[in-house]
Amino acid sequence: MIQVIFHPNAKNELENSIIFYNNQVKRLGSVFLEEVEYFIGLIQNFPKSGKLLTNNVRKLLLKRFPYMILYIFKNNQVYIVAVAHQMQKPNYWKKRLK
C-alpha cells in the first residue's frame, strides 16, 4: 500500500479543523475526519486522481466540507502538503515545498 506522510503544518490544519467543527456541532469534527480519511484512501488507491496544480502538486476537493487536500505523489508515497480551507489565501502552502 502507498505510504501517506503529512507535512507537520498539514497535520496541524487537520487537527485544528476537527476541533473547530467539534466546537460548532457535536461530532461534526469526527464526520470531517471520516471524510478526510475517505479521500486519503482514494488518493492511496488512485494517486493521480487529483487535479494537477503544478508540476507535482495535486488537489482533491472534499464533498461535504469546503476543504481540499493538496498532495504530492512520488516514489510510491503520498505527501500531504496541506488540508486547506478553500477560502484560505491561495498558494499559502507553496512555501512548504522547499
PDB file of N, CA and C in Angstrom:
ATOM      1  N   MET A   1       0.845  -1.196   0.000  1.00  0.00           N
ATOM      2  CA  MET A   1       0.000   0.000   0.000  1.00  0.00           C
ATOM      3  C   MET A   1       0.885   1.252   0.000  1.00  0.00           C
ATOM      4  N   ILE A   2       0.392   2.277  -0.621  1.00  0.00           N
ATOM      5  CA  ILE A   2       1.110   3.542  -0.709  1.00  0.00           C
ATOM      6  C   ILE A   2       1.140   4.217   0.652  1.00  0.00           C
ATOM      7  N   GLN A   3       2.330   4.636   1.061  1.00  0.00           N
ATOM      8  CA  GLN A   3       2.513   5.307   2.349  1.00  0.00           C
ATOM      9  C   GLN A   3       2.048   6.763   2.254  1.00  0.00           C
ATOM     10  N   VAL A   4       1.406   7.248   3.331  1.00  0.00           N
ATOM     11  CA  VAL A   4       0.949   8.636   3.412  1.00  0.00           C
ATOM     12  C   VAL A   4       1.758   9.340   4.492  1.00  0.00           C
ATOM     13  N   ILE A   5       2.331  10.495   4.126  1.00  0.00           N
ATOM     14  CA  ILE A   5       3.117  11.303   5.053  1.00  0.00           C
ATOM     15  C   ILE A   5       2.528  12.704   5.064  1.00  0.00           C
ATOM     16  N   PHE A   6       2.298  13.246   6.253  1.00  0.00           N
ATOM     17  CA  PHE A   6       1.765  14.598   6.395  1.00  0.00           C
ATOM     18  C   PHE A   6       2.888  15.591   6.664  1.00  0.00           C
ATOM     19  N   HIS A   7       2.857  16.716   5.972  1.00  0.00           N
ATOM     20  CA  HIS A   7       3.688  17.843   6.387  1.00  0.00           C
ATOM     21  C   HIS A   7       3.196  18.227   7.780  1.00  0.00           C
ATOM     22  N   PRO A   8       4.084  18.609   8.712  1.00  0.00           N
ATOM     23  CA  PRO A   8       3.628  18.948  10.066  1.00  0.00           C
ATOM     24  C   PRO A   8       2.536  20.022  10.094  1.00  0.00           C
ATOM     25  N   ASN A   9       2.626  21.006   9.213  1.00  0.00           N
ATOM     26  CA  ASN A   9       1.593  22.052   9.180  1.00  0.00           C
ATOM     27  C   ASN A   9       0.266  21.513   8.647  1.00  0.00           C
ATOM     28  N   ALA A  10       0.319  20.560   7.738  1.00  0.00           N
ATOM     29  CA  ALA A  10      -0.911  19.945   7.231  1.00  0.00           C
ATOM     30  C   ALA A  10      -1.589  19.149   8.342  1.00  0.00           C
ATOM     31  N   LYS A  11      -0.788  18.466   9.149  1.00  0.00           N
ATOM     32  CA  LYS A  11      -1.340  17.723  10.295  1.00  0.00           C
ATOM     33  C   LYS A  11      -2.005  18.687  11.276  1.00  0.00           C
ATOM     34  N   ASN A  12      -1.367  19.826  11.520  1.00  0.00           N
ATOM     35  CA  ASN A  12      -1.952  20.852  12.398  1.00  0.00           C
ATOM     36  C   ASN A  12      -3.252  21.397  11.823  1.00  0.00           C
ATOM     37  N   GLU A  13      -3.276  21.629  10.519  1.00  0.00           N
ATOM     38  CA  GLU A  13      -4.506  22.123   9.878  1.00  0.00           C
ATOM     39  C   GLU A  13      -5.643  21.135  10.074  1.00  0.00           C
ATOM     40  N   LEU A  14      -5.341  19.865   9.892  1.00  0.00           N
ATOM     41  CA  LEU A  14      -6.363  18.833  10.062  1.00  0.00           C
ATOM     42  C   LEU A  14      -6.874  18.824  11.504  1.00  0.00           C
ATOM     43  N   GLU A  15      -5.961  18.799  12.451  1.00  0.00           N
ATOM     44  CA  GLU A  15      -6.357  18.758  13.860  1.00  0.00           C
ATOM     45  C   GLU A  15      -7.146  20.001  14.262  1.00  0.00           C
ATOM     46  N   ASN A  16      -6.717  21.182  13.815  1.00  0.00           N
ATOM     47  CA  ASN A  16      -7.430  22.424  14.142  1.00  0.00           C
ATOM     48  C   ASN A  16      -8.822  22.458  13.518  1.00  0.00           C
ATOM     49  N   SER A  17      -8.955  21.907  12.329  1.00  0.00           N
ATOM     50  CA  SER A  17     -10.260  21.868  11.666  1.00  0.00           C
ATOM     51  C   SER A  17     -11.210  20.929  12.394  1.00  0.00           C
ATOM     52  N   ILE A  18     -10.683  19.805  12.866  1.00  0.00           N
ATOM     53  CA  ILE A  18     -11.508  18.870  13.636  1.00  0.00           C
ATOM     54  C   ILE A  18     -12.022  19.558  14.906  1.00  0.00           C
ATOM     55  N   ILE A  19     -11.136  20.249  15.604  1.00  0.00           N
ATOM     56  CA  ILE A  19     -11.529  20.968  16.824  1.00  0.00           C
ATOM     57  C   ILE A  19     -12.573  22.033  16.496  1.00  0.00           C
ATOM     58  N   PHE A  20     -12.347  22.791  15.430  1.00  0.00           N
ATOM     59  CA  PHE A  20     -13.295  23.834  15.033  1.00  0.00           C
ATOM     60  C   PHE A  20     -14.675  23.243  14.812  1.00  0.00           C
ATOM     61  N   TYR A  21     -14.765  22.171  14.015  1.00  0.00           N
ATOM     62  CA  TYR A  21     -16.068  21.587  13.705  1.00  0.00           C
ATOM     63  C   TYR A  21     -16.713  20.959  14.936  1.00  0.00           C
ATOM     64  N   ASN A  22     -15.917  20.354  15.809  1.00  0.00           N
ATOM     65  CA  ASN A  22     -16.486  19.799  17.038  1.00  0.00           C
ATOM     66  C   ASN A  22     -17.041  20.894  17.934  1.00  0.00           C
ATOM     67  N   ASN A  23     -16.448  22.074  17.893  1.00  0.00           N
ATOM     68  CA  ASN A  23     -16.966  23.204  18.673  1.00  0.00           C
ATOM     69  C   ASN A  23     -18.255  23.772  18.079  1.00  0.00           C
ATOM     70  N   GLN A  24     -18.478  23.538  16.793  1.00  0.00           N
ATOM     71  CA  GLN A  24     -19.690  24.027  16.132  1.00  0.00           C
ATOM     72  C   GLN A  24     -20.883  23.113  16.427  1.00  0.00           C
ATOM     73  N   VAL A  25     -20.672  21.826  16.208  1.00  0.00           N
ATOM     74  CA  VAL A  25     -21.728  20.819  16.386  1.00  0.00           C
ATOM     75  C   VAL A  25     -21.067  19.545  16.896  1.00  0.00           C
ATOM     76  N   LYS A  26     -21.654  18.951  17.913  1.00  0.00           N
ATOM     77  CA  LYS A  26     -21.098  17.717  18.478  1.00  0.00           C
ATOM     78  C   LYS A  26     -20.907  16.668  17.381  1.00  0.00           C
ATOM     79  N   ARG A  27     -19.737  16.074  17.370  1.00  0.00           N
ATOM     80  CA  ARG A  27     -19.333  15.018  16.423  1.00  0.00           C
ATOM     81  C   ARG A  27     -19.081  15.486  14.995  1.00  0.00           C
ATOM     82  N   LEU A  28     -19.292  16.743  14.690  1.00  0.00           N
ATOM     83  CA  LEU A  28     -19.060  17.202  13.324  1.00  0.00           C
ATOM     84  C   LEU A  28     -17.580  17.089  12.955  1.00  0.00           C
ATOM     85  N   GLY A  29     -16.706  17.293  13.916  1.00  0.00           N
ATOM     86  CA  GLY A  29     -15.271  17.115  13.669  1.00  0.00           C
ATOM     87  C   GLY A  29     -14.948  15.683  13.288  1.00  0.00           C
ATOM     88  N   SER A  30     -15.630  14.743  13.907  1.00  0.00           N
ATOM     89  CA  SER A  30     -15.431  13.325  13.566  1.00  0.00           C
ATOM     90  C   SER A  30     -15.908  13.035  12.150  1.00  0.00           C
ATOM     91  N   VAL A  31     -17.018  13.641  11.772  1.00  0.00           N
ATOM     92  CA  VAL A  31     -17.538  13.483  10.406  1.00  0.00           C
ATOM     93  C   VAL A  31     -16.540  14.062   9.409  1.00  0.00           C
ATOM     94  N   PHE A  32     -15.977  15.224   9.745  1.00  0.00           N
ATOM     95  CA  PHE A  32     -14.958  15.840   8.894  1.00  0.00           C
ATOM     96  C   PHE A  32     -13.757  14.903   8.749  1.00  0.00           C
ATOM     97  N   LEU A  33     -13.265  14.369   9.852  1.00  0.00           N
ATOM     98  CA  LEU A  33     -12.123  13.453   9.806  1.00  0.00           C
ATOM     99  C   LEU A  33     -12.426  12.225   8.962  1.00  0.00           C
ATOM    100  N   GLU A  34     -13.619  11.665   9.099  1.00  0.00           N
ATOM    101  CA  GLU A  34     -14.009  10.499   8.296  1.00  0.00           C
ATOM    102  C   GLU A  34     -13.945  10.819   6.804  1.00  0.00           C
ATOM    103  N   GLU A  35     -14.394  12.025   6.437  1.00  0.00           N
ATOM    104  CA  GLU A  35     -14.348  12.395   5.024  1.00  0.00           C
ATOM    105  C   GLU A  35     -12.905  12.567   4.549  1.00  0.00           C
ATOM    106  N   VAL A  36     -12.074  13.201   5.362  1.00  0.00           N
ATOM    107  CA  VAL A  36     -10.660  13.352   5.002  1.00  0.00           C
ATOM    108  C   VAL A  36     -10.021  11.972   4.840  1.00  0.00           C
ATOM    109  N   GLU A  37     -10.277  11.074   5.770  1.00  0.00           N
ATOM    110  CA  GLU A  37      -9.717   9.722   5.689  1.00  0.00           C
ATOM    111  C   GLU A  37     -10.204   8.986   4.443  1.00  0.00           C
ATOM    112  N   TYR A  38     -11.469   9.176   4.097  1.00  0.00           N
ATOM    113  CA  TYR A  38     -12.007   8.556   2.884  1.00  0.00           C
ATOM    114  C   TYR A  38     -11.234   9.034   1.652  1.00  0.00           C
ATOM    115  N   PHE A  39     -11.032  10.348   1.567  1.00  0.00           N
ATOM    116  CA  PHE A  39     -10.350  10.893   0.396  1.00  0.00           C
ATOM    117  C   PHE A  39      -8.860  10.550   0.382  1.00  0.00           C
ATOM    118  N   ILE A  40      -8.254  10.411   1.545  1.00  0.00           N
ATOM    119  CA  ILE A  40      -6.864   9.963   1.574  1.00  0.00           C
ATOM    120  C   ILE A  40      -6.778   8.520   1.079  1.00  0.00           C
ATOM    121  N   GLY A  41      -7.748   7.699   1.453  1.00  0.00           N
ATOM    122  CA  GLY A  41      -7.813   6.333   0.922  1.00  0.00           C
ATOM    123  C   GLY A  41      -7.979   6.330  -0.584  1.00  0.00           C
ATOM    124  N   LEU A  42      -8.804   7.232  -1.080  1.00  0.00           N
ATOM    125  CA  LEU A  42      -8.986   7.362  -2.529  1.00  0.00           C
ATOM    126  C   LEU A  42      -7.661   7.739  -3.196  1.00  0.00           C
ATOM    127  N   ILE A  43      -6.951   8.674  -2.585  1.00  0.00           N
ATOM    128  CA  ILE A  43      -5.648   9.087  -3.125  1.00  0.00           C
ATOM    129  C   ILE A  43      -4.670   7.909  -3.110  1.00  0.00           C
ATOM    130  N   GLN A  44      -4.681   7.116  -2.042  1.00  0.00           N
ATOM    131  CA  GLN A  44      -3.800   5.953  -1.983  1.00  0.00           C
ATOM    132  C   GLN A  44      -4.086   4.970  -3.107  1.00  0.00           C
ATOM    133  N   ASN A  45      -5.360   4.777  -3.417  1.00  0.00           N
ATOM    134  CA  ASN A  45      -5.734   3.832  -4.474  1.00  0.00           C
ATOM    135  C   ASN A  45      -5.599   4.407  -5.867  1.00  0.00           C
ATOM    136  N   PHE A  46      -5.799   5.715  -5.989  1.00  0.00           N
ATOM    137  CA  PHE A  46      -5.723   6.389  -7.287  1.00  0.00           C
ATOM    138  C   PHE A  46      -4.930   7.684  -7.131  1.00  0.00           C
ATOM    139  N   PRO A  47      -3.615   7.583  -6.940  1.00  0.00           N
ATOM    140  CA  PRO A  47      -2.807   8.756  -6.584  1.00  0.00           C
ATOM    141  C   PRO A  47      -2.810   9.874  -7.625  1.00  0.00           C
ATOM    142  N   LYS A  48      -3.165   9.581  -8.828  1.00  0.00           N
ATOM    143  CA  LYS A  48      -3.190  10.631  -9.852  1.00  0.00           C
ATOM    144  C   LYS A  48      -4.601  11.165 -10.092  1.00  0.00           C
ATOM    145  N   SER A  49      -5.506  10.894  -9.156  1.00  0.00           N
ATOM    146  CA  SER A  49      -6.896  11.319  -9.331  1.00  0.00           C
ATOM    147  C   SER A  49      -7.109  12.802  -9.073  1.00  0.00           C
ATOM    148  N   GLY A  50      -6.252  13.419  -8.284  1.00  0.00           N
ATOM    149  CA  GLY A  50      -6.395  14.844  -8.006  1.00  0.00           C
ATOM    150  C   GLY A  50      -6.005  15.690  -9.191  1.00  0.00           C
ATOM    151  N   LYS A  51      -6.581  16.872  -9.252  1.00  0.00           N
ATOM    152  CA  LYS A  51      -6.269  17.814 -10.332  1.00  0.00           C
ATOM    153  C   LYS A  51      -4.842  18.323 -10.164  1.00  0.00           C
ATOM    154  N   LEU A  52      -4.065  18.274 -11.229  1.00  0.00           N
ATOM    155  CA  LEU A  52      -2.684  18.736 -11.193  1.00  0.00           C
ATOM    156  C   LEU A  52      -2.644  20.256 -11.160  1.00  0.00           C
ATOM    157  N   LEU A  53      -2.008  20.816 -10.105  1.00  0.00           N
ATOM    158  CA  LEU A  53      -1.900  22.273  -9.958  1.00  0.00           C
ATOM    159  C   LEU A  53      -0.569  22.794 -10.472  1.00  0.00           C
ATOM    160  N   THR A  54       0.495  22.098 -10.105  1.00  0.00           N
ATOM    161  CA  THR A  54       1.844  22.469 -10.530  1.00  0.00           C
ATOM    162  C   THR A  54       2.487  21.216 -11.096  1.00  0.00           C
ATOM    163  N   ASN A  55       3.775  21.259 -11.276  1.00  0.00           N
ATOM    164  CA  ASN A  55       4.474  20.099 -11.836  1.00  0.00           C
ATOM    165  C   ASN A  55       4.209  18.819 -11.075  1.00  0.00           C
ATOM    166  N   ASN A  56       4.050  18.923  -9.744  1.00  0.00           N
ATOM    167  CA  ASN A  56       3.863  17.691  -8.974  1.00  0.00           C
ATOM    168  C   ASN A  56       2.817  17.786  -7.865  1.00  0.00           C
ATOM    169  N   VAL A  57       2.203  18.929  -7.658  1.00  0.00           N
ATOM    170  CA  VAL A  57       1.195  19.072  -6.603  1.00  0.00           C
ATOM    171  C   VAL A  57      -0.199  18.887  -7.198  1.00  0.00           C
ATOM    172  N   ARG A  58      -0.970  18.048  -6.520  1.00  0.00           N
ATOM    173  CA  ARG A  58      -2.345  17.784  -6.941  1.00  0.00           C
ATOM    174  C   ARG A  58      -3.301  18.210  -5.845  1.00  0.00           C
ATOM    175  N   LYS A  59      -4.546  18.474  -6.220  1.00  0.00           N
ATOM    176  CA  LYS A  59      -5.556  18.804  -5.218  1.00  0.00           C
ATOM    177  C   LYS A  59      -6.793  17.957  -5.443  1.00  0.00           C
ATOM    178  N   LEU A  60      -7.414  17.615  -4.319  1.00  0.00           N
ATOM    179  CA  LEU A  60      -8.660  16.867  -4.336  1.00  0.00           C
ATOM    180  C   LEU A  60      -9.613  17.577  -3.385  1.00  0.00           C
ATOM    181  N   LEU A  61     -10.783  17.945  -3.895  1.00  0.00           N
ATOM    182  CA  LEU A  61     -11.770  18.668  -3.095  1.00  0.00           C
ATOM    183  C   LEU A  61     -12.633  17.698  -2.310  1.00  0.00           C
ATOM    184  N   LEU A  62     -12.861  18.035  -1.041  1.00  0.00           N
ATOM    185  CA  LEU A  62     -13.805  17.252  -0.257  1.00  0.00           C
ATOM    186  C   LEU A  62     -15.218  17.551  -0.756  1.00  0.00           C
ATOM    187  N   LYS A  63     -16.156  16.666  -0.477  1.00  0.00           N
ATOM    188  CA  LYS A  63     -17.533  16.838  -0.956  1.00  0.00           C
ATOM    189  C   LYS A  63     -18.403  17.624   0.024  1.00  0.00           C
ATOM    190  N   ARG A  64     -18.336  17.288   1.310  1.00  0.00           N
ATOM    191  CA  ARG A  64     -19.257  17.869   2.291  1.00  0.00           C
ATOM    192  C   ARG A  64     -18.709  19.111   2.988  1.00  0.00           C
ATOM    193  N   PHE A  65     -17.423  19.317   2.898  1.00  0.00           N
ATOM    194  CA  PHE A  65     -16.780  20.422   3.604  1.00  0.00           C
ATOM    195  C   PHE A  65     -15.978  21.254   2.612  1.00  0.00           C
ATOM    196  N   PRO A  66     -15.836  22.561   2.864  1.00  0.00           N
ATOM    197  CA  PRO A  66     -15.126  23.437   1.914  1.00  0.00           C
ATOM    198  C   PRO A  66     -13.604  23.353   2.074  1.00  0.00           C
ATOM    199  N   TYR A  67     -13.080  22.152   1.963  1.00  0.00           N
ATOM    200  CA  TYR A  67     -11.647  21.900   2.126  1.00  0.00           C
ATOM    201  C   TYR A  67     -11.109  21.154   0.923  1.00  0.00           C
ATOM    202  N   MET A  68      -9.797  21.242   0.773  1.00  0.00           N
ATOM    203  CA  MET A  68      -9.115  20.477  -0.257  1.00  0.00           C
ATOM    204  C   MET A  68      -7.862  19.862   0.341  1.00  0.00           C
ATOM    205  N   ILE A  69      -7.489  18.736  -0.195  1.00  0.00           N
ATOM    206  CA  ILE A  69      -6.254  18.071   0.189  1.00  0.00           C
ATOM    207  C   ILE A  69      -5.264  18.331  -0.931  1.00  0.00           C
ATOM    208  N   LEU A  70      -4.144  18.933  -0.587  1.00  0.00           N
ATOM    209  CA  LEU A  70      -3.073  19.190  -1.544  1.00  0.00           C
ATOM    210  C   LEU A  70      -1.967  18.188  -1.268  1.00  0.00           C
ATOM    211  N   TYR A  71      -1.518  17.499  -2.313  1.00  0.00           N
ATOM    212  CA  TYR A  71      -0.574  16.414  -2.091  1.00  0.00           C
ATOM    213  C   TYR A  71       0.364  16.217  -3.273  1.00  0.00           C
ATOM    214  N   ILE A  72       1.447  15.523  -2.984  1.00  0.00           N
ATOM    215  CA  ILE A  72       2.426  15.131  -3.998  1.00  0.00           C
ATOM    216  C   ILE A  72       2.510  13.613  -3.975  1.00  0.00           C
ATOM    217  N   PHE A  73       2.495  13.006  -5.147  1.00  0.00           N
ATOM    218  CA  PHE A  73       2.706  11.566  -5.256  1.00  0.00           C
ATOM    219  C   PHE A  73       4.058  11.344  -5.922  1.00  0.00           C
ATOM    220  N   LYS A  74       4.964  10.724  -5.174  1.00  0.00           N
ATOM    221  CA  LYS A  74       6.309  10.499  -5.704  1.00  0.00           C
ATOM    222  C   LYS A  74       6.913   9.291  -4.993  1.00  0.00           C
ATOM    223  N   ASN A  75       7.608   8.469  -5.747  1.00  0.00           N
ATOM    224  CA  ASN A  75       8.302   7.297  -5.189  1.00  0.00           C
ATOM    225  C   ASN A  75       7.378   6.421  -4.345  1.00  0.00           C
ATOM    226  N   ASN A  76       6.176   6.212  -4.842  1.00  0.00           N
ATOM    227  CA  ASN A  76       5.180   5.366  -4.184  1.00  0.00           C
ATOM    228  C   ASN A  76       4.788   5.876  -2.790  1.00  0.00           C
ATOM    229  N   GLN A  77       4.864   7.204  -2.603  1.00  0.00           N
ATOM    230  CA  GLN A  77       4.445   7.843  -1.365  1.00  0.00           C
ATOM    231  C   GLN A  77       3.539   9.023  -1.694  1.00  0.00           C
ATOM    232  N   VAL A  78       2.584   9.256  -0.813  1.00  0.00           N
ATOM    233  CA  VAL A  78       1.728  10.436  -0.904  1.00  0.00           C
ATOM    234  C   VAL A  78       2.163  11.370   0.218  1.00  0.00           C
ATOM    235  N   TYR A  79       2.562  12.572  -0.148  1.00  0.00           N
ATOM    236  CA  TYR A  79       2.984  13.575   0.814  1.00  0.00           C
ATOM    237  C   TYR A  79       1.898  14.646   0.872  1.00  0.00           C
ATOM    238  N   ILE A  80       1.175  14.718   1.994  1.00  0.00           N
ATOM    239  CA  ILE A  80       0.107  15.700   2.155  1.00  0.00           C
ATOM    240  C   ILE A  80       0.746  17.037   2.507  1.00  0.00           C
ATOM    241  N   VAL A  81       0.610  17.988   1.609  1.00  0.00           N
ATOM    242  CA  VAL A  81       1.199  19.317   1.779  1.00  0.00           C
ATOM    243  C   VAL A  81       0.284  20.194   2.632  1.00  0.00           C
ATOM    244  N   ALA A  82      -1.034  20.080   2.425  1.00  0.00           N
ATOM    245  CA  ALA A  82      -1.986  20.930   3.154  1.00  0.00           C
ATOM    246  C   ALA A  82      -3.370  20.281   3.175  1.00  0.00           C
ATOM    247  N   VAL A  83      -4.088  20.565   4.248  1.00  0.00           N
ATOM    248  CA  VAL A  83      -5.521  20.288   4.342  1.00  0.00           C
ATOM    249  C   VAL A  83      -6.115  21.690   4.473  1.00  0.00           C
ATOM    250  N   ALA A  84      -6.436  22.271   3.334  1.00  0.00           N
ATOM    251  CA  ALA A  84      -6.696  23.710   3.257  1.00  0.00           C
ATOM    252  C   ALA A  84      -8.169  24.028   3.053  1.00  0.00           C
ATOM    253  N   HIS A  85      -8.639  25.032   3.781  1.00  0.00           N
ATOM    254  CA  HIS A  85      -9.963  25.580   3.540  1.00  0.00           C
ATOM    255  C   HIS A  85      -9.925  26.255   2.169  1.00  0.00           C
ATOM    256  N   GLN A  86     -10.967  26.089   1.387  1.00  0.00           N
ATOM    257  CA  GLN A  86     -10.967  26.621   0.021  1.00  0.00           C
ATOM    258  C   GLN A  86     -10.972  28.141  -0.037  1.00  0.00           C
ATOM    259  N   MET A  87     -11.342  28.795   1.068  1.00  0.00           N
ATOM    260  CA  MET A  87     -11.359  30.257   1.079  1.00  0.00           C
ATOM    261  C   MET A  87     -10.072  30.835   1.685  1.00  0.00           C
ATOM    262  N   GLN A  88      -9.138  29.968   2.009  1.00  0.00           N
ATOM    263  CA  GLN A  88      -7.853  30.403   2.559  1.00  0.00           C
ATOM    264  C   GLN A  88      -7.066  31.128   1.475  1.00  0.00           C
ATOM    265  N   LYS A  89      -6.122  31.926   1.904  1.00  0.00           N
ATOM    266  CA  LYS A  89      -5.268  32.641   0.959  1.00  0.00           C
ATOM    267  C   LYS A  89      -4.669  31.636  -0.036  1.00  0.00           C
ATOM    268  N   PRO A  90      -4.866  31.859  -1.325  1.00  0.00           N
ATOM    269  CA  PRO A  90      -4.360  30.905  -2.325  1.00  0.00           C
ATOM    270  C   PRO A  90      -2.838  30.769  -2.254  1.00  0.00           C
ATOM    271  N   ASN A  91      -2.381  29.581  -2.465  1.00  0.00           N
ATOM    272  CA  ASN A  91      -0.953  29.275  -2.591  1.00  0.00           C
ATOM    273  C   ASN A  91      -0.126  29.502  -1.332  1.00  0.00           C
ATOM    274  N   TYR A  92      -0.756  29.689  -0.181  1.00  0.00           N
ATOM    275  CA  TYR A  92      -0.002  29.871   1.061  1.00  0.00           C
ATOM    276  C   TYR A  92       0.880  28.658   1.354  1.00  0.00           C
ATOM    277  N   TRP A  93       0.475  27.513   0.891  1.00  0.00           N
ATOM    278  CA  TRP A  93       1.147  26.245   1.154  1.00  0.00           C
ATOM    279  C   TRP A  93       2.405  26.039   0.320  1.00  0.00           C
ATOM    280  N   LYS A  94       2.608  26.860  -0.704  1.00  0.00           N
ATOM    281  CA  LYS A  94       3.754  26.650  -1.605  1.00  0.00           C
ATOM    282  C   LYS A  94       5.100  26.729  -0.894  1.00  0.00           C
ATOM    283  N   LYS A  95       5.174  27.529   0.161  1.00  0.00           N
ATOM    284  CA  LYS A  95       6.437  27.644   0.905  1.00  0.00           C
ATOM    285  C   LYS A  95       6.792  26.330   1.585  1.00  0.00           C
ATOM    286  N   ARG A  96       5.855  25.421   1.716  1.00  0.00           N
ATOM    287  CA  ARG A  96       6.100  24.110   2.327  1.00  0.00           C
ATOM    288  C   ARG A  96       6.829  23.158   1.376  1.00  0.00           C
ATOM    289  N   LEU A  97       6.929  23.519   0.146  1.00  0.00           N
ATOM    290  CA  LEU A  97       7.543  22.644  -0.858  1.00  0.00           C
ATOM    291  C   LEU A  97       9.067  22.744  -0.870  1.00  0.00           C
ATOM    292  N   LYS A  98       9.607  23.681  -0.142  1.00  0.00           N
ATOM    293  CA  LYS A  98      11.061  23.901  -0.169  1.00  0.00           C
ATOM    294  C   LYS A  98      11.782  23.013   0.814  1.00  0.00           C
TER     295      LYS A  98
END
